[in-house]
């Protein structure tokens, strides 16, 4: 497959801006999805990374591609590789979002680059977001998207990295179709790898439904929120290392490294790192 990286790089510095309101309904729905009993009312703080409930894509049905995402092009460059994944994010929390506020997200394509991976070409797109609440900067976020080929017969399995053996806090998650459907619905995410078992196994070649990367990151911070309920986040960064499937339970873990730094990770049922993350506290 020919990839015209010079053409894709012309998307660098492309911008878009979206307006929204931090409404209560999605906050209450995500809390229920996480099996929590939060009480949200107007003025309540929006928990870290729950801003992903807003600025949702609302593409018309005729604009949806075969994988359930919007057809390639538009704000994101039209990378021709079939697999698209949320590879990681880095965030700084400047001020809390509050339920009921008018919010705005200004986004820019910061970088587009290609490299040759073990199984073929990889294209990385970096998107920079600035989120404002009532015109006050609340969150800056860098979002990494990676595009890659579908697997071919005979591809060697990824060995992976073993997760740390010691964790102060551990929670076992049993992903199922309902959890993945509810999170897809909350984020208006039509990507079929999260709910269409026939598509994900027969077309994309995965063994089961894939747990959303942002959902795993949300679960990591939910452990911190339960164990340190009064902690205020300064930064949060995570990197997805290998997919998690609904075919087996996985664990979300955390270990406080110092007064202001916490390491968080998700591990597969085989004990390998699925996501590695770090949070710093105010």
Protein backbone atom coordinates (compact mmCIF):
# COMPACT_ATOMS: atom_id res chain seq x y z
CA UNK A 1 0.00 0.00 0.00
CA UNK A 2 1.35 3.38 -1.00
CA UNK A 3 1.09 6.03 1.69
CA UNK A 4 1.64 9.61 0.54
CA UNK A 5 3.03 10.93 3.83
CA UNK A 6 3.84 14.30 2.26
CA UNK A 7 0.15 14.75 1.44
CA UNK A 8 -0.91 13.64 4.92
CA UNK A 9 1.51 16.14 6.46
CA UNK A 10 -0.41 18.97 4.80
CA UNK A 11 -3.00 18.40 7.57
CA UNK A 12 -0.50 19.69 10.16
CA UNK A 13 -1.79 22.91 11.78
CA UNK A 14 -5.36 22.22 10.62
CA UNK A 15 -7.73 23.45 13.36
CA UNK A 16 -11.28 23.03 14.53
CA UNK A 17 -13.27 24.38 17.45
CA UNK A 18 -16.31 22.80 19.15
CA UNK A 19 -18.77 24.24 21.65
CA UNK A 20 -20.66 22.20 24.25
CA UNK A 21 -22.13 22.33 27.73
CA UNK A 22 -21.08 20.12 30.66
CA UNK A 23 -24.54 18.62 31.17
CA UNK A 24 -25.48 16.33 34.05
CA UNK A 25 -26.98 13.37 32.20
CA UNK A 26 -23.73 11.86 30.85
CA UNK A 27 -22.02 12.31 34.22
CA UNK A 28 -24.77 10.36 35.94
CA UNK A 29 -24.75 7.72 33.20
CA UNK A 30 -20.98 7.15 33.36
CA UNK A 31 -21.12 6.95 37.14
CA UNK A 32 -23.75 4.21 36.83
CA UNK A 33 -21.66 2.45 34.17
CA UNK A 34 -18.69 2.42 36.57
CA UNK A 35 -21.01 1.06 39.31
CA UNK A 36 -20.58 4.17 41.43
CA UNK A 37 -23.11 6.15 43.50
CA UNK A 38 -21.90 9.66 42.72
CA UNK A 39 -24.26 12.55 43.26
CA UNK A 40 -23.87 15.16 40.52
CA UNK A 41 -25.66 18.49 40.50
CA UNK A 42 -25.09 21.82 38.82
CA UNK A 43 -21.69 23.14 39.87
CA UNK A 44 -20.25 19.70 40.72
CA UNK A 45 -16.70 19.12 39.53
CA UNK A 46 -16.37 16.91 36.47
CA UNK A 47 -13.91 14.09 37.37
CA UNK A 48 -10.62 14.03 35.44
CA UNK A 49 -10.90 12.60 31.88
CA UNK A 50 -14.69 12.64 32.06
CA UNK A 51 -14.47 15.57 29.65
CA UNK A 52 -14.39 12.80 27.01
CA UNK A 53 -18.17 12.66 27.49
CA UNK A 54 -18.42 15.99 25.67
CA UNK A 55 -17.49 17.33 22.20
CA UNK A 56 -18.78 14.10 20.70
CA UNK A 57 -18.60 13.40 16.94
CA UNK A 58 -22.02 13.74 15.33
CA UNK A 59 -21.35 12.65 11.76
CA UNK A 60 -24.36 11.85 9.62
CA UNK A 61 -25.03 8.16 9.02
CA UNK A 62 -24.14 8.53 5.34
CA UNK A 63 -20.68 9.79 6.39
CA UNK A 64 -19.80 6.67 8.39
CA UNK A 65 -17.17 4.28 7.01
CA UNK A 66 -17.15 0.47 7.09
CA UNK A 67 -15.41 0.34 10.49
CA UNK A 68 -18.08 2.50 12.15
CA UNK A 69 -15.88 5.59 12.28
CA UNK A 70 -16.43 8.62 10.09
CA UNK A 71 -15.04 8.23 6.58
CA UNK A 72 -11.41 9.29 6.27
CA UNK A 73 -10.64 12.94 5.66
CA UNK A 74 -12.07 16.08 7.19
CA UNK A 75 -10.26 17.32 10.30
CA UNK A 76 -8.13 14.16 10.63
CA UNK A 77 -5.89 13.23 7.68
CA UNK A 78 -7.19 10.44 5.38
CA UNK A 79 -4.69 7.78 6.43
CA UNK A 80 -5.43 4.70 4.24
CA UNK A 81 -4.41 2.10 6.84
CA UNK A 82 -7.45 0.18 8.15
CA UNK A 83 -6.76 -0.08 11.89
CA UNK A 84 -7.09 3.09 13.97
CA UNK A 85 -6.36 3.13 17.71
CA UNK A 86 -6.12 5.63 20.56
CA UNK A 87 -2.46 5.10 21.49
CA UNK A 88 -2.20 7.50 24.43
CA UNK A 89 -2.69 10.95 25.85
CA UNK A 90 -0.92 13.51 28.02
CA UNK A 91 -3.00 16.00 30.01
CA UNK A 92 -2.50 18.99 32.27
CA UNK A 93 -5.41 20.06 34.48
CA UNK A 94 -5.35 23.82 34.93
CA UNK A 95 -8.80 24.38 36.44
CA UNK A 96 -11.75 22.12 37.20
CA UNK A 97 -14.66 21.71 34.82
CA UNK A 98 -18.01 22.14 36.53
CA UNK A 99 -21.37 20.69 35.58
CA UNK A 100 -23.48 23.27 33.80
CA UNK A 101 -20.61 25.31 32.38
CA UNK A 102 -20.34 26.32 28.76
CA UNK A 103 -17.21 24.61 27.43
CA UNK A 104 -15.13 24.90 24.27
CA UNK A 105 -12.46 22.68 22.74
CA UNK A 106 -9.92 24.12 20.31
CA UNK A 107 -8.04 21.38 18.45
CA UNK A 108 -5.06 21.37 16.10
CA UNK A 109 -3.23 18.65 14.17
CA UNK A 110 0.21 19.00 15.74
CA UNK A 111 2.10 16.28 13.86
CA UNK A 112 1.77 13.49 11.31
CA UNK A 113 4.58 10.99 10.91
CA UNK A 114 5.20 7.50 9.59
CA UNK A 115 7.59 4.74 10.56
CA UNK A 116 8.03 1.11 9.65
CA UNK A 117 6.82 -1.29 12.31
CA UNK A 118 7.30 -5.01 12.82
CA UNK A 119 4.22 -5.82 10.75
CA UNK A 120 4.26 -2.92 8.30
CA UNK A 121 3.90 0.87 8.16
CA UNK A 122 2.56 2.85 11.10
CA UNK A 123 1.20 6.38 10.85
CA UNK A 124 1.01 8.50 14.00
CA UNK A 125 -1.23 11.55 14.25
CA UNK A 126 -0.84 13.88 17.22
CA UNK A 127 -3.77 16.16 18.05
CA UNK A 128 -3.43 19.03 20.53
CA UNK A 129 -6.56 20.09 22.43
CA UNK A 130 -7.18 23.12 24.62
CA UNK A 131 -10.41 22.94 26.63
CA UNK A 132 -11.96 26.06 28.12
CA UNK A 133 -14.71 26.39 30.73
CA UNK A 134 -16.47 29.76 30.61
CA UNK A 135 -13.44 31.01 28.61
CA UNK A 136 -10.95 29.90 31.30
CA UNK A 137 -8.35 27.32 30.24
CA UNK A 138 -9.21 24.10 32.07
CA UNK A 139 -7.34 21.26 30.31
CA UNK A 140 -4.61 20.89 27.74
CA UNK A 141 -4.33 17.48 26.13
CA UNK A 142 -2.15 15.79 23.54
CA UNK A 143 -3.87 12.84 21.90
CA UNK A 144 -1.93 10.21 19.93
CA UNK A 145 -3.69 8.19 17.23
CA UNK A 146 -1.95 5.32 15.45
CA UNK A 147 -2.97 3.70 12.16
CA UNK A 148 -1.71 0.29 11.06
CA UNK A 149 -2.30 -2.66 8.72
CA UNK A 150 -4.58 -5.59 9.40
CA UNK A 151 -2.71 -8.73 10.52
CA UNK A 152 -1.72 -11.39 8.02
CA UNK A 153 -1.63 -15.15 8.64
CA UNK A 154 1.62 -16.17 10.28
CA UNK A 155 2.26 -12.87 12.06
CA UNK A 156 4.12 -13.59 15.30
CA UNK A 157 2.22 -12.84 18.49
CA UNK A 158 3.41 -9.80 20.45
CA UNK A 159 5.26 -10.96 23.58
CA UNK A 160 4.41 -7.92 25.65
CA UNK A 161 5.92 -6.47 28.83
CA UNK A 162 5.22 -8.00 32.22
CA UNK A 163 3.30 -5.75 34.60
CA UNK A 164 4.80 -4.73 37.96
CA UNK A 165 4.36 -7.32 40.68
CA UNK A 166 3.58 -4.89 43.49
CA UNK A 167 0.50 -2.67 43.62
CA UNK A 168 -1.05 -0.86 46.55
CA UNK A 169 -4.50 -0.90 44.98
CA UNK A 170 -5.91 -3.50 42.60
CA UNK A 171 -9.34 -3.90 41.07
CA UNK A 172 -10.39 -6.76 38.80
CA UNK A 173 -12.60 -5.77 35.86
CA UNK A 174 -14.87 -8.23 34.08
CA UNK A 175 -15.59 -6.60 30.71
CA UNK A 176 -18.72 -7.70 28.91
CA UNK A 177 -20.83 -6.65 25.94
CA UNK A 178 -23.05 -4.41 28.09
CA UNK A 179 -20.17 -2.43 29.64
CA UNK A 180 -18.59 -1.87 26.22
CA UNK A 181 -21.92 -0.96 24.63
CA UNK A 182 -22.76 1.54 27.38
CA UNK A 183 -19.39 3.27 27.09
CA UNK A 184 -19.66 3.35 23.28
CA UNK A 185 -23.10 4.89 23.61
CA UNK A 186 -21.96 7.47 26.17
CA UNK A 187 -19.12 8.61 23.92
CA UNK A 188 -21.13 8.17 20.68
CA UNK A 189 -18.34 5.89 19.46
CA UNK A 190 -19.48 3.81 16.49
CA UNK A 191 -16.19 1.93 16.08
CA UNK A 192 -17.32 -1.66 15.49
CA UNK A 193 -14.35 -3.25 17.29
CA UNK A 194 -16.10 -2.49 20.60
CA UNK A 195 -19.51 -4.11 19.96
CA UNK A 196 -19.58 -6.07 16.68
CA UNK A 197 -18.04 -9.46 17.44
CA UNK A 198 -18.29 -10.77 13.89
CA UNK A 199 -16.59 -7.67 12.49
CA UNK A 200 -13.79 -7.53 15.07
CA UNK A 201 -12.92 -11.24 14.72
CA UNK A 202 -13.51 -11.83 11.02
CA UNK A 203 -12.43 -8.50 9.51
CA UNK A 204 -9.88 -7.04 11.93
CA UNK A 205 -8.60 -10.40 13.18
CA UNK A 206 -8.87 -9.84 16.93
CA UNK A 207 -9.92 -12.65 19.31
CA UNK A 208 -12.77 -10.66 20.90
CA UNK A 209 -14.33 -7.28 21.48
CA UNK A 210 -11.77 -4.62 22.40
CA UNK A 211 -12.10 -2.64 25.62
CA UNK A 212 -11.87 1.07 24.79
CA UNK A 213 -8.54 2.67 25.65
CA UNK A 214 -10.27 5.73 27.17
CA UNK A 215 -12.46 3.43 29.28
CA UNK A 216 -9.35 1.71 30.67
CA UNK A 217 -7.78 5.11 31.42
CA UNK A 218 -11.02 6.16 33.14
CA UNK A 219 -10.98 2.98 35.23
CA UNK A 220 -7.36 3.65 36.24
CA UNK A 221 -8.24 7.10 37.53
CA UNK A 222 -11.34 5.69 39.19
CA UNK A 223 -9.07 3.53 41.37
CA UNK A 224 -7.17 6.66 42.39
CA UNK A 225 -10.44 8.51 42.97
CA UNK A 226 -11.67 5.75 45.28
CA UNK A 227 -8.43 5.39 47.24
CA UNK A 228 -7.49 9.08 47.38
CA UNK A 229 -10.84 10.86 47.08
CA UNK A 230 -9.48 14.30 48.02
CA UNK A 231 -6.47 14.20 45.68
CA UNK A 232 -6.36 16.83 42.94
CA UNK A 233 -4.69 15.91 39.67
CA UNK A 234 -2.07 18.12 38.10
CA UNK A 235 -1.13 15.86 35.17
CA UNK A 236 -2.11 12.49 33.75
CA UNK A 237 -0.42 10.58 30.95
CA UNK A 238 -1.06 7.09 29.62
CA UNK A 239 0.19 4.85 26.84
CA UNK A 240 -1.69 1.87 25.46
CA UNK A 241 0.72 -1.05 25.02
CA UNK A 242 -1.55 -3.89 23.92
CA UNK A 243 -5.29 -4.40 23.54
CA UNK A 244 -7.59 -5.79 26.21
CA UNK A 245 -10.42 -8.08 25.11
CA UNK A 246 -13.75 -9.05 26.62
CA UNK A 247 -12.68 -12.71 26.61
CA UNK A 248 -11.03 -12.54 30.06
CA UNK A 249 -10.94 -10.27 33.12
CA UNK A 250 -8.17 -7.71 33.51
CA UNK A 251 -6.83 -5.69 36.42
CA UNK A 252 -6.39 -1.97 37.01
CA UNK A 253 -3.66 -1.19 39.52
CA UNK A 254 -1.97 1.74 41.22
CA UNK A 255 1.07 2.37 43.37
CA UNK A 256 1.95 5.69 45.02
CA UNK A 257 5.59 6.45 44.22
CA UNK A 258 5.90 9.65 46.23
CA UNK A 259 3.76 12.29 47.86
CA UNK A 260 2.78 13.70 44.48
CA UNK A 261 3.32 10.88 41.97
CA UNK A 262 1.27 7.77 41.35
CA UNK A 263 1.93 5.04 38.82
CA UNK A 264 -1.15 3.33 37.38
CA UNK A 265 -1.38 0.41 35.02
CA UNK A 266 -3.75 -2.12 33.50
CA UNK A 267 -2.66 -5.71 33.11
CA UNK A 268 -4.07 -8.55 31.07
CA UNK A 269 -5.11 -11.91 32.52
CA UNK A 270 -1.64 -13.17 31.53
CA UNK A 271 0.05 -10.50 33.68
CA UNK A 272 1.24 -8.30 30.79
CA UNK A 273 1.02 -4.51 30.67
CA UNK A 274 -1.93 -3.31 28.64
CA UNK A 275 -1.68 0.36 29.64
CA UNK A 276 0.95 2.27 31.58
CA UNK A 277 0.13 5.62 33.17
CA UNK A 278 1.41 8.26 35.56
CA UNK A 279 -0.51 10.84 37.55
CA UNK A 280 0.94 13.78 39.44
CA UNK A 281 -0.96 15.49 42.22
CA UNK A 282 -1.25 19.16 43.12
